[in-house]
Amino acid sequence: MRLEKLLSGANIACPKNMSGIEITSIVTDSRLVREGSMFICIDGLHTDGHKFINNAVNAGASVIVMDEGRDECVGGAAAVKVLNTRRASAFLYNSWHGGPASKLKIIGITGTNGKTSIGLILRDIFKKSGKRCGYIGTVGSYSLEKRIELRSANPLANMTTPDPPELYEILAQMVEDGVEYVFLEATSHASALSKLDPIRFDVLVFTNLTRDHLDFHGSMEGYFASKAKLFERCDTAVINADDAYASAILNASLAKRNILCSCEGNLSNFSASNIRLGGGDGFSMRVRTEKTEFDVAIPLVGRFSPTNSLEAIAVAECCGIAEGELVNALRTLSPVPGRMEKVNIDKRADFSVYIDYAHTPDALENVLRSARDMTLSSMTQRGRVIVLFGCGGERDRGKRKEMGAVASKFADFVIVTSDNSRSEDPTEIIGDIYKGINKEKEHIIIVERESAIRFAVSMARSGDVILLAGKGHENYEISYRGKLPFFESDIVKDAVSKRFA
């Protein structure tokens, strides 16, 4: 691609006498430079790409994109200076792939908890209404029914929102496949790092904001700012009016239309009432939209499911999904992987096991309350809530003690274990969690997660609900040994089978 065309598509002025340069590839890693490459110098979290300009030039780079104010020598390559190379990279990759961000109807979902659930609920609704859908988020990227595998150079990477080199290639693939609607989980990291800056959202959903990622953002104010920034680029905002940050998001929104949703009787455009939680069978509610009212039963579990579903309903209606199609889709929603997902175990077991991704204090409280609802709704013996959880290494240490306190408050028996300890010593992470544990309540520490799961199964009694929190859909465990396969549901089934052998 000619440099002038590439820069024009990225809204970057082409320096004089450079328009004839032919670009063969765009890279942000100097090790990937080939003859004719454009090398973008990213001042990253761990290293500064400007240090590798000479390496890139020696490898054949024809253009170096660098921050303004830098005076590094670029040798025989052409220099293009921009205010922010990280932001520029998103626009350049979008331009390189033909500007897919403007060729799709992109529905963004942002917030601490609920992004995956709402994204997959929407994908299910729109698919059942005959729409051609794509999805980008925590459980992977899909164009229609095809899973798109990422080529991340870091095998330990677990990014909900891919980096620009992959994100805009994925969107381009969706354009080629004829996708109409894309449901994209928009994270605070992606926003703060300008990955999504070329995207103007047709609809942007705000779920909630609770403590998370403060190791990266530094404060709740910084965390909020990264979310609020996204609402400067959306046509319609769908906001959870029941969240403490709802009014702040509404004030920050530059959307042409703001839609408020409430399950708690707050002033809103969409509301839910007569909510009846059915334990492990789902829930029912009466929905009032801007156009109509209807009753619906939805086969999703958890106290948070009514709110997630209501926001999805608001998105569907404003995108023109007919009421009949919407209600039919809601009644037959597929379970969300790793979100209060029930493990199908031997029928001789008179207890239940659920897997959930909860890895923040607020999310853990919500799923534990949901587990308690299940024990109270049981027609047989009321059992205990047994929770097994850990906290990720190299992540916000401040929430560890809080999660310990939440677990003690809302569970009957707490099992503290490992969860993606990465390079940290898992015993030190558990020590941080243990500071919040109520020592007068039943608890145990079992560092090795598989052993902890097997212990939970061995101690379960009639009517108990076991909640395995933290990993959810993940099928791996990350530790100092690397990223290794780890299938919680398989471990549970094996433990139950051996118990009843």
Protein backbone atom coordinates (compact mmCIF):
# COMPACT_ATOMS: atom_id res chain seq x y z
CA MET A 1 0.00 0.00 0.00
CA ARG A 2 1.25 3.48 -0.81
CA LEU A 3 2.23 5.49 2.25
CA GLU A 4 0.03 8.42 1.27
CA LYS A 5 -3.08 6.21 1.09
CA LEU A 6 -2.24 4.47 4.37
CA LEU A 7 -1.73 7.74 6.24
CA SER A 8 -4.80 9.33 4.71
CA GLY A 9 -6.96 6.46 5.93
CA ALA A 10 -5.51 7.00 9.40
CA ASN A 11 -6.10 10.78 9.32
CA ILE A 12 -2.36 11.44 9.45
CA ALA A 13 -0.81 14.04 7.16
CA CYS A 14 1.76 12.62 4.74
CA PRO A 15 5.10 14.47 4.91
CA LYS A 16 6.30 16.03 1.68
CA ASN A 17 8.19 13.86 -0.80
CA MET A 18 7.10 10.60 0.90
CA SER A 19 3.89 9.76 -0.94
CA GLY A 20 5.53 7.35 -3.36
CA ILE A 21 6.87 4.99 -0.70
CA GLU A 22 5.34 1.48 -0.89
CA ILE A 23 4.60 -0.14 2.47
CA THR A 24 4.74 -3.94 2.60
CA SER A 25 3.65 -4.44 6.23
CA ILE A 26 3.02 -2.62 9.51
CA VAL A 27 4.68 -3.86 12.69
CA THR A 28 5.18 -2.70 16.27
CA ASP A 29 7.82 -5.35 17.01
CA SER A 30 11.20 -4.64 15.43
CA ARG A 31 11.86 -8.40 15.21
CA LEU A 32 9.05 -8.67 12.66
CA VAL A 33 10.38 -5.95 10.34
CA ARG A 34 10.91 -6.97 6.73
CA GLU A 35 11.97 -5.06 3.62
CA GLY A 36 9.54 -2.17 3.13
CA SER A 37 7.90 -2.42 6.58
CA MET A 38 6.47 0.48 8.53
CA PHE A 39 7.76 0.25 12.11
CA ILE A 40 5.63 1.98 14.77
CA CYS A 41 7.59 2.87 17.90
CA ILE A 42 5.29 2.13 20.84
CA ASP A 43 6.32 3.47 24.23
CA GLY A 44 4.99 0.37 25.96
CA LEU A 45 4.35 -0.80 29.49
CA HIS A 46 7.68 -2.63 29.66
CA THR A 47 9.93 -1.13 26.97
CA ASP A 48 10.12 1.79 24.54
CA GLY A 49 10.01 0.91 20.85
CA HIS A 50 12.04 4.01 20.01
CA LYS A 51 15.09 2.12 21.34
CA PHE A 52 14.81 -0.32 18.44
CA ILE A 53 14.75 2.12 15.51
CA ASN A 54 18.22 1.13 14.33
CA ASN A 55 17.28 -2.56 14.47
CA ALA A 56 14.20 -1.84 12.36
CA VAL A 57 16.12 0.21 9.78
CA ASN A 58 18.81 -2.44 9.50
CA ALA A 59 16.09 -5.05 8.92
CA GLY A 60 14.69 -3.04 5.99
CA ALA A 61 12.04 -0.71 7.44
CA SER A 62 11.22 2.06 4.98
CA VAL A 63 9.12 4.20 7.36
CA ILE A 64 9.45 4.83 11.10
CA VAL A 65 6.42 6.20 12.96
CA MET A 66 7.62 7.95 16.11
CA ASP A 67 6.45 10.36 18.77
CA GLU A 68 6.79 14.07 18.16
CA GLY A 69 9.64 15.58 20.11
CA ARG A 70 11.88 12.56 19.58
CA ASP A 71 15.19 13.18 17.83
CA GLU A 72 16.37 9.62 17.17
CA CYS A 73 18.16 9.02 13.92
CA VAL A 74 16.16 6.92 11.48
CA GLY A 75 19.01 6.25 9.06
CA GLY A 76 17.79 5.71 5.52
CA ALA A 77 14.13 5.35 6.50
CA ALA A 78 11.48 8.06 6.32
CA ALA A 79 10.24 9.48 9.65
CA VAL A 80 6.58 10.18 10.34
CA LYS A 81 6.03 11.96 13.66
CA VAL A 82 2.72 11.83 15.53
CA LEU A 83 1.46 13.01 18.91
CA ASN A 84 0.88 9.48 20.20
CA THR A 85 2.21 6.40 18.42
CA ARG A 86 0.00 4.03 20.38
CA ARG A 87 -3.13 5.87 19.23
CA ALA A 88 -1.75 6.22 15.72
CA SER A 89 -1.14 2.47 15.51
CA ALA A 90 -4.86 1.74 15.96
CA PHE A 91 -5.75 4.10 13.09
CA LEU A 92 -2.94 2.78 10.90
CA TYR A 93 -3.97 -0.86 11.33
CA ASN A 94 -7.59 0.07 10.65
CA SER A 95 -6.48 1.86 7.49
CA TRP A 96 -4.21 -1.01 6.43
CA HIS A 97 -7.16 -3.40 6.58
CA GLY A 98 -9.45 -1.15 4.57
CA GLY A 99 -11.22 0.72 7.38
CA PRO A 100 -13.43 -2.12 8.70
CA ALA A 101 -14.37 -0.14 11.81
CA SER A 102 -16.75 2.00 9.74
CA LYS A 103 -18.20 -0.89 7.72
CA LEU A 104 -19.79 -2.80 10.61
CA LYS A 105 -22.47 -2.06 13.19
CA ILE A 106 -20.45 -2.33 16.36
CA ILE A 107 -22.19 -2.83 19.72
CA GLY A 108 -19.75 -2.25 22.56
CA ILE A 109 -20.19 -3.53 26.11
CA THR A 110 -18.09 -2.00 28.88
CA GLY A 111 -18.03 -2.21 32.67
CA THR A 112 -16.36 -4.27 35.38
CA ASN A 113 -18.73 -7.23 35.37
CA GLY A 114 -21.29 -8.58 32.91
CA LYS A 115 -19.58 -7.77 29.60
CA THR A 116 -19.34 -11.35 28.41
CA SER A 117 -22.83 -12.28 29.55
CA ILE A 118 -24.47 -9.33 27.80
CA GLY A 119 -22.34 -9.77 24.69
CA LEU A 120 -23.28 -13.44 24.33
CA ILE A 121 -26.94 -12.81 25.19
CA LEU A 122 -27.04 -10.23 22.40
CA ARG A 123 -25.27 -12.53 19.98
CA ASP A 124 -27.83 -15.25 20.74
CA ILE A 125 -30.80 -12.89 20.31
CA PHE A 126 -29.55 -11.38 17.05
CA LYS A 127 -28.61 -14.78 15.57
CA LYS A 128 -32.08 -16.14 16.34
CA SER A 129 -33.51 -13.06 14.64
CA GLY A 130 -31.62 -13.90 11.45
CA LYS A 131 -28.77 -11.40 11.80
CA ARG A 132 -25.20 -12.17 10.76
CA CYS A 133 -23.10 -11.70 13.89
CA GLY A 134 -19.53 -11.42 15.07
CA TYR A 135 -18.24 -11.42 18.62
CA ILE A 136 -14.97 -10.26 20.20
CA GLY A 137 -14.43 -10.80 23.90
CA THR A 138 -13.21 -12.85 26.83
CA VAL A 139 -14.32 -16.21 25.46
CA GLY A 140 -12.76 -15.62 22.04
CA SER A 141 -13.44 -14.02 18.67
CA TYR A 142 -16.05 -15.38 16.27
CA SER A 143 -17.04 -14.38 12.74
CA LEU A 144 -20.44 -15.96 12.16
CA GLU A 145 -19.87 -19.50 13.53
CA LYS A 146 -16.13 -19.52 12.84
CA ARG A 147 -13.71 -19.05 15.72
CA ILE A 148 -10.80 -16.76 14.88
CA GLU A 149 -7.57 -17.81 16.55
CA LEU A 150 -5.29 -14.99 17.66
CA ARG A 151 -1.61 -15.01 16.79
CA SER A 152 -0.40 -13.24 19.92
CA ALA A 153 3.35 -13.45 20.39
CA ASN A 154 2.83 -13.79 24.13
CA PRO A 155 1.49 -17.27 25.02
CA LEU A 156 0.41 -15.94 28.41
CA ALA A 157 -1.67 -13.15 26.89
CA ASN A 158 -5.33 -13.20 27.82
CA MET A 159 -6.71 -9.99 26.39
CA THR A 160 -10.45 -9.49 26.21
CA THR A 161 -9.92 -6.81 23.56
CA PRO A 162 -7.11 -7.80 21.13
CA ASP A 163 -4.29 -5.41 20.28
CA PRO A 164 -4.66 -3.35 17.06
CA PRO A 165 -2.59 -5.68 14.83
CA GLU A 166 -5.16 -8.42 15.43
CA LEU A 167 -8.29 -6.44 16.26
CA TYR A 168 -8.59 -4.66 12.91
CA GLU A 169 -7.63 -7.78 10.97
CA ILE A 170 -10.46 -9.61 12.78
CA LEU A 171 -12.91 -6.83 11.89
CA ALA A 172 -11.73 -6.97 8.27
CA GLN A 173 -12.35 -10.72 8.25
CA MET A 174 -15.87 -10.09 9.53
CA VAL A 175 -16.50 -7.60 6.74
CA GLU A 176 -15.34 -10.19 4.22
CA ASP A 177 -17.62 -12.82 5.81
CA GLY A 178 -20.65 -10.56 5.50
CA VAL A 179 -21.09 -9.90 9.22
CA GLU A 180 -23.55 -7.13 10.01
CA TYR A 181 -23.43 -6.75 13.81
CA VAL A 182 -20.33 -7.11 16.00
CA PHE A 183 -20.61 -7.45 19.79
CA LEU A 184 -17.36 -6.24 21.28
CA GLU A 185 -16.27 -6.28 24.92
CA ALA A 186 -14.59 -2.91 25.39
CA THR A 187 -12.19 -3.05 28.33
CA SER A 188 -10.71 -0.22 30.36
CA HIS A 189 -7.21 -1.25 29.25
CA ALA A 190 -8.23 -1.10 25.58
CA SER A 191 -9.70 2.35 26.12
CA ALA A 192 -6.75 3.72 28.09
CA LEU A 193 -4.31 2.35 25.51
CA SER A 194 -6.34 3.82 22.60
CA LYS A 195 -6.91 0.43 20.91
CA LEU A 196 -10.52 1.35 20.14
CA ASP A 197 -10.08 4.99 19.13
CA PRO A 198 -10.98 4.43 15.43
CA ILE A 199 -14.31 2.86 16.42
CA ARG A 200 -17.52 4.82 16.78
CA PHE A 201 -20.01 2.54 18.49
CA ASP A 202 -23.53 2.26 17.12
CA VAL A 203 -24.57 1.29 20.65
CA LEU A 204 -22.43 1.25 23.80
CA VAL A 205 -23.60 -0.53 26.96
CA PHE A 206 -22.46 0.38 30.48
CA THR A 207 -22.88 -2.50 32.95
CA ASN A 208 -21.37 -1.35 36.26
CA LEU A 209 -18.14 -0.15 37.83
CA THR A 210 -16.56 -1.77 40.88
CA ARG A 211 -13.00 -2.22 42.03
CA ASP A 212 -10.70 -3.91 39.52
CA HIS A 213 -7.49 -3.24 37.57
CA LEU A 214 -6.24 -0.60 40.00
CA ASP A 215 -2.74 -1.97 39.49
CA PHE A 216 -3.03 -0.49 35.99
CA HIS A 217 -5.29 2.56 36.44
CA GLY A 218 -3.97 3.62 39.86
CA SER A 219 -7.33 4.78 41.21
CA MET A 220 -11.07 4.41 40.73
CA GLU A 221 -11.02 7.88 39.15
CA GLY A 222 -8.56 6.68 36.51
CA TYR A 223 -10.53 3.49 36.00
CA PHE A 224 -13.76 5.45 35.53
CA ALA A 225 -12.10 7.90 33.12
CA SER A 226 -11.08 5.04 30.83
CA LYS A 227 -14.70 3.86 30.65
CA ALA A 228 -16.17 7.34 30.29
CA LYS A 229 -13.85 8.07 27.35
CA LEU A 230 -15.66 5.44 25.29
CA PHE A 231 -18.99 7.26 25.64
CA GLU A 232 -17.60 10.19 23.67
CA ARG A 233 -17.83 8.00 20.54
CA CYS A 234 -21.23 6.34 20.46
CA ASP A 235 -24.56 7.04 18.82
CA THR A 236 -26.68 5.36 21.51
CA ALA A 237 -25.70 4.69 25.14
CA VAL A 238 -27.48 2.01 27.19
CA ILE A 239 -26.77 2.61 30.88
CA ASN A 240 -27.49 0.53 33.97
CA ALA A 241 -29.34 3.13 36.05
CA ASP A 242 -28.98 0.97 39.19
CA ASP A 243 -25.20 1.36 39.31
CA ALA A 244 -23.55 4.02 41.48
CA TYR A 245 -21.65 5.38 38.46
CA ALA A 246 -24.70 5.67 36.19
CA SER A 247 -25.15 9.44 36.56
CA ALA A 248 -21.43 10.05 36.00
CA ILE A 249 -21.50 7.98 32.80
CA LEU A 250 -24.63 9.82 31.69
CA ASN A 251 -22.90 13.17 32.27
CA ALA A 252 -19.87 12.00 30.27
CA SER A 253 -21.90 10.61 27.38
CA LEU A 254 -21.95 12.48 24.08
CA ALA A 255 -24.39 10.00 22.58
CA LYS A 256 -27.30 11.26 20.51
CA ARG A 257 -29.55 9.04 22.60
CA ASN A 258 -29.14 7.81 26.19
CA ILE A 259 -31.23 4.86 27.41
CA LEU A 260 -31.46 4.11 31.13
CA CYS A 261 -32.33 0.61 32.37
CA SER A 262 -33.45 -0.30 35.89
CA CYS A 263 -34.46 -3.43 37.78
CA GLU A 264 -34.75 -1.50 41.05
CA GLY A 265 -37.44 1.07 40.30
CA ASN A 266 -35.11 3.91 39.39
CA LEU A 267 -36.18 6.46 36.77
CA SER A 268 -35.50 4.78 33.44
CA ASN A 269 -36.53 4.20 29.83
CA PHE A 270 -36.53 0.41 30.25
CA SER A 271 -37.49 -1.31 33.49
CA ALA A 272 -38.11 -4.75 34.93
CA SER A 273 -40.54 -5.63 37.71
CA ASN A 274 -42.07 -8.75 39.29
CA ILE A 275 -38.67 -10.41 39.11
CA ARG A 276 -38.86 -14.00 40.30
CA LEU A 277 -35.59 -15.87 40.68
CA GLY A 278 -36.11 -19.57 40.20
CA GLY A 279 -32.95 -20.92 41.77
CA GLY A 280 -31.20 -23.08 39.21
CA ASP A 281 -34.03 -22.86 36.68
CA GLY A 282 -33.68 -19.25 35.61
CA PHE A 283 -35.98 -16.30 36.32
CA SER A 284 -39.03 -14.46 35.07
CA MET A 285 -39.84 -10.74 34.97
CA ARG A 286 -42.16 -8.17 33.49
CA VAL A 287 -40.40 -5.83 31.08
CA ARG A 288 -41.47 -2.30 30.22
CA THR A 289 -39.82 -0.81 27.16
CA GLU A 290 -40.36 2.52 25.43
CA LYS A 291 -42.88 0.83 23.15
CA THR A 292 -44.55 -2.02 25.01
CA GLU A 293 -44.74 -4.31 28.04
CA PHE A 294 -44.37 -8.07 28.20
CA ASP A 295 -43.68 -10.97 30.56
CA VAL A 296 -40.82 -13.32 29.85
CA ALA A 297 -39.13 -16.34 31.44
CA ILE A 298 -35.39 -16.55 30.80
CA PRO A 299 -33.32 -19.70 31.47
CA LEU A 300 -30.32 -17.92 33.01
CA VAL A 301 -29.33 -18.14 36.67
CA GLY A 302 -27.88 -15.55 39.00
CA ARG A 303 -29.08 -12.35 40.65
CA PHE A 304 -27.32 -10.29 37.98
CA SER A 305 -29.10 -11.97 35.07
CA PRO A 306 -32.22 -9.72 35.10
CA THR A 307 -30.07 -6.60 34.76
CA ASN A 308 -27.90 -8.13 32.04
CA SER A 309 -30.99 -9.30 30.17
CA LEU A 310 -32.75 -5.95 30.46
CA GLU A 311 -29.81 -4.09 28.96
CA ALA A 312 -29.68 -6.64 26.14
CA ILE A 313 -33.40 -6.10 25.54
CA ALA A 314 -32.82 -2.34 25.29
CA VAL A 315 -30.06 -2.84 22.69
CA ALA A 316 -32.18 -5.27 20.68
CA GLU A 317 -35.19 -2.95 20.59
CA CYS A 318 -33.20 0.10 19.56
CA CYS A 319 -31.63 -2.01 16.77
CA GLY A 320 -35.07 -2.92 15.46
CA ILE A 321 -35.50 -6.49 16.69
CA ALA A 322 -39.26 -7.21 16.69
CA GLU A 323 -40.92 -7.97 20.03
CA GLY A 324 -42.02 -11.46 19.00
CA GLU A 325 -38.53 -12.42 17.83
CA LEU A 326 -37.01 -10.91 20.97
CA VAL A 327 -39.29 -12.75 23.41
CA ASN A 328 -38.83 -16.06 21.63
CA ALA A 329 -35.05 -15.63 21.66
CA LEU A 330 -35.03 -14.74 25.37
CA ARG A 331 -37.01 -17.84 26.29
CA THR A 332 -34.45 -20.09 24.64
CA LEU A 333 -31.18 -18.33 25.52
CA SER A 334 -28.12 -20.55 25.66
CA PRO A 335 -26.14 -20.66 28.94
CA VAL A 336 -23.19 -18.28 29.03
CA PRO A 337 -19.94 -20.28 29.29
CA GLY A 338 -18.34 -19.97 32.72
CA ARG A 339 -21.03 -17.66 34.12
CA MET A 340 -22.94 -19.54 36.84
CA GLU A 341 -22.49 -22.55 34.59
CA LYS A 342 -23.81 -25.73 36.14
CA VAL A 343 -21.57 -28.78 35.85
CA ASN A 344 -23.50 -31.86 34.79
CA ILE A 345 -22.41 -34.50 37.31
CA ASP A 346 -23.43 -38.03 38.31
CA LYS A 347 -27.12 -38.09 39.22
CA ARG A 348 -26.29 -39.89 42.46
CA ALA A 349 -24.68 -36.68 43.70
CA ASP A 350 -27.29 -34.74 45.70
CA PHE A 351 -25.34 -31.50 45.59
CA SER A 352 -24.67 -28.97 42.80
CA VAL A 353 -21.48 -27.53 41.34
CA TYR A 354 -21.29 -24.20 39.49
CA ILE A 355 -18.38 -22.54 37.73
CA ASP A 356 -18.15 -18.76 37.47
CA TYR A 357 -15.60 -16.22 36.27
CA ALA A 358 -16.10 -13.97 39.31
CA HIS A 359 -12.72 -12.39 40.10
CA THR A 360 -13.68 -9.10 41.77
CA PRO A 361 -15.21 -8.52 45.22
CA ASP A 362 -18.52 -7.34 43.74
CA ALA A 363 -18.78 -10.23 41.29
CA LEU A 364 -17.95 -12.75 44.00
CA GLU A 365 -20.64 -11.32 46.27
CA ASN A 366 -23.21 -11.51 43.48
CA VAL A 367 -22.52 -15.14 42.63
CA LEU A 368 -22.44 -16.14 46.29
CA ARG A 369 -25.81 -14.49 46.84
CA SER A 370 -27.07 -16.38 43.80
CA ALA A 371 -25.74 -19.64 45.23
CA ARG A 372 -27.52 -18.86 48.51
CA ASP A 373 -30.77 -18.34 46.59
CA MET A 374 -30.38 -21.85 45.21
CA THR A 375 -30.02 -23.42 48.64
CA LEU A 376 -33.06 -21.53 49.93
CA SER A 377 -35.19 -22.48 46.95
CA SER A 378 -34.42 -26.19 47.34
CA MET A 379 -37.47 -28.34 48.04
CA THR A 380 -35.28 -30.85 49.86
CA GLN A 381 -32.66 -30.32 52.54
CA ARG A 382 -31.19 -26.82 52.59
CA GLY A 383 -27.49 -27.06 52.14
CA ARG A 384 -24.38 -24.99 52.54
CA VAL A 385 -22.66 -22.64 50.13
CA ILE A 386 -19.08 -23.82 49.61
CA VAL A 387 -16.85 -21.42 47.70
CA LEU A 388 -13.45 -22.17 46.20
CA PHE A 389 -11.44 -19.24 44.84
CA GLY A 390 -8.07 -17.53 44.51
CA CYS A 391 -6.71 -14.30 43.04
CA GLY A 392 -4.57 -13.73 39.97
CA GLY A 393 -0.89 -12.97 40.23
CA GLU A 394 0.56 -9.70 38.92
CA ARG A 395 -2.83 -8.07 39.33
CA ASP A 396 -4.48 -5.63 41.78
CA ARG A 397 -3.27 -6.80 45.20
CA GLY A 398 -5.66 -4.52 47.06
CA LYS A 399 -8.73 -6.55 46.13
CA ARG A 400 -7.37 -9.81 47.55
CA LYS A 401 -8.18 -9.03 51.17
CA GLU A 402 -11.61 -7.69 50.10
CA MET A 403 -12.40 -10.93 48.29
CA GLY A 404 -11.43 -12.92 51.37
CA ALA A 405 -13.86 -10.86 53.44
CA VAL A 406 -16.67 -11.29 50.89
CA ALA A 407 -16.14 -15.05 50.74
CA SER A 408 -16.32 -15.35 54.53
CA LYS A 409 -19.43 -13.20 54.74
CA PHE A 410 -21.53 -14.91 52.09
CA ALA A 411 -20.34 -18.54 52.12
CA ASP A 412 -20.58 -21.23 54.78
CA PHE A 413 -17.27 -22.85 53.95
CA VAL A 414 -14.34 -21.15 52.20
CA ILE A 415 -11.56 -22.94 50.30
CA VAL A 416 -8.71 -20.59 49.37
CA THR A 417 -6.52 -21.81 46.54
CA SER A 418 -4.53 -20.72 43.47
CA ASP A 419 -5.81 -18.93 40.37
CA ASN A 420 -3.35 -17.96 37.63
CA SER A 421 -0.54 -17.04 40.02
CA ARG A 422 1.72 -16.21 37.05
CA SER A 423 5.21 -15.32 38.32
CA GLU A 424 4.07 -14.70 41.90
CA ASP A 425 4.39 -17.24 44.70
CA PRO A 426 0.83 -18.59 45.15
CA THR A 427 1.32 -18.86 48.91
CA GLU A 428 1.97 -15.11 49.08
CA ILE A 429 -1.20 -14.37 47.10
CA ILE A 430 -3.16 -16.66 49.43
CA GLY A 431 -1.57 -14.83 52.38
CA ASP A 432 -3.02 -11.56 51.07
CA ILE A 433 -6.46 -13.17 50.72
CA TYR A 434 -6.23 -14.71 54.17
CA LYS A 435 -6.00 -11.28 55.78
CA GLY A 436 -9.66 -10.79 54.92
CA ILE A 437 -10.88 -14.24 55.95
CA ASN A 438 -13.07 -14.45 59.05
CA LYS A 439 -11.06 -16.96 61.07
CA GLU A 440 -14.11 -17.93 63.13
CA LYS A 441 -15.90 -19.32 60.05
CA GLU A 442 -15.07 -22.65 58.48
CA HIS A 443 -12.27 -22.42 55.96
CA ILE A 444 -9.23 -24.22 54.61
CA ILE A 445 -6.21 -23.39 52.46
CA ILE A 446 -5.27 -25.84 49.70
CA VAL A 447 -2.67 -24.28 47.42
CA GLU A 448 -2.96 -26.69 44.48
CA ARG A 449 -6.26 -25.94 42.72
CA GLU A 450 -7.04 -29.44 41.47
CA SER A 451 -6.58 -30.84 44.97
CA ALA A 452 -8.83 -28.08 46.29
CA ILE A 453 -11.58 -28.99 43.80
CA ARG A 454 -11.37 -32.66 44.72
CA PHE A 455 -11.59 -31.75 48.42
CA ALA A 456 -14.71 -29.63 47.79
CA VAL A 457 -16.41 -32.56 46.05
CA SER A 458 -15.40 -34.97 48.81
CA MET A 459 -16.91 -32.83 51.60
CA ALA A 460 -20.18 -31.85 49.89
CA ARG A 461 -23.39 -32.90 51.61
CA SER A 462 -26.99 -33.14 50.45
CA GLY A 463 -28.31 -29.81 49.18
CA ASP A 464 -24.90 -28.10 49.13
CA VAL A 465 -23.94 -25.71 46.33
CA ILE A 466 -20.25 -25.67 45.42
CA LEU A 467 -19.08 -22.53 43.63
CA LEU A 468 -15.75 -22.64 41.81
CA ALA A 469 -14.98 -18.95 41.30
CA GLY A 470 -12.37 -17.15 39.24
CA LYS A 471 -11.65 -19.24 36.17
CA GLY A 472 -15.06 -19.55 34.53
CA HIS A 473 -14.62 -20.39 30.84
CA GLU A 474 -10.82 -20.61 31.10
CA ASN A 475 -9.36 -24.01 30.23
CA TYR A 476 -5.84 -23.28 31.43
CA GLU A 477 -3.83 -22.37 34.52
CA ILE A 478 -0.96 -19.86 34.39
CA SER A 479 1.90 -20.24 36.88
CA TYR A 480 5.69 -20.03 36.95
CA ARG A 481 5.60 -23.25 34.88
CA GLY A 482 3.81 -21.44 32.04
CA LYS A 483 0.31 -21.80 30.61
CA LEU A 484 -0.91 -25.37 31.05
CA PRO A 485 -4.26 -27.04 30.27
CA PHE A 486 -6.73 -27.02 33.16
CA PHE A 487 -10.35 -28.10 32.75
CA GLU A 488 -12.31 -27.53 35.96
CA SER A 489 -15.46 -29.28 34.82
CA ASP A 490 -13.51 -32.41 33.88
CA ILE A 491 -11.84 -32.44 37.30
CA VAL A 492 -15.22 -32.09 39.01
CA LYS A 493 -16.78 -34.91 37.00
CA ASP A 494 -13.84 -37.21 37.70
CA ALA A 495 -13.92 -36.42 41.42
CA VAL A 496 -17.69 -37.07 41.61
CA SER A 497 -17.33 -40.29 39.62
CA LYS A 498 -14.65 -41.59 41.96
CA ARG A 499 -16.62 -40.57 45.04
CA PHE A 500 -19.63 -42.61 43.91
CA ALA A 501 -17.68 -45.50 42.35
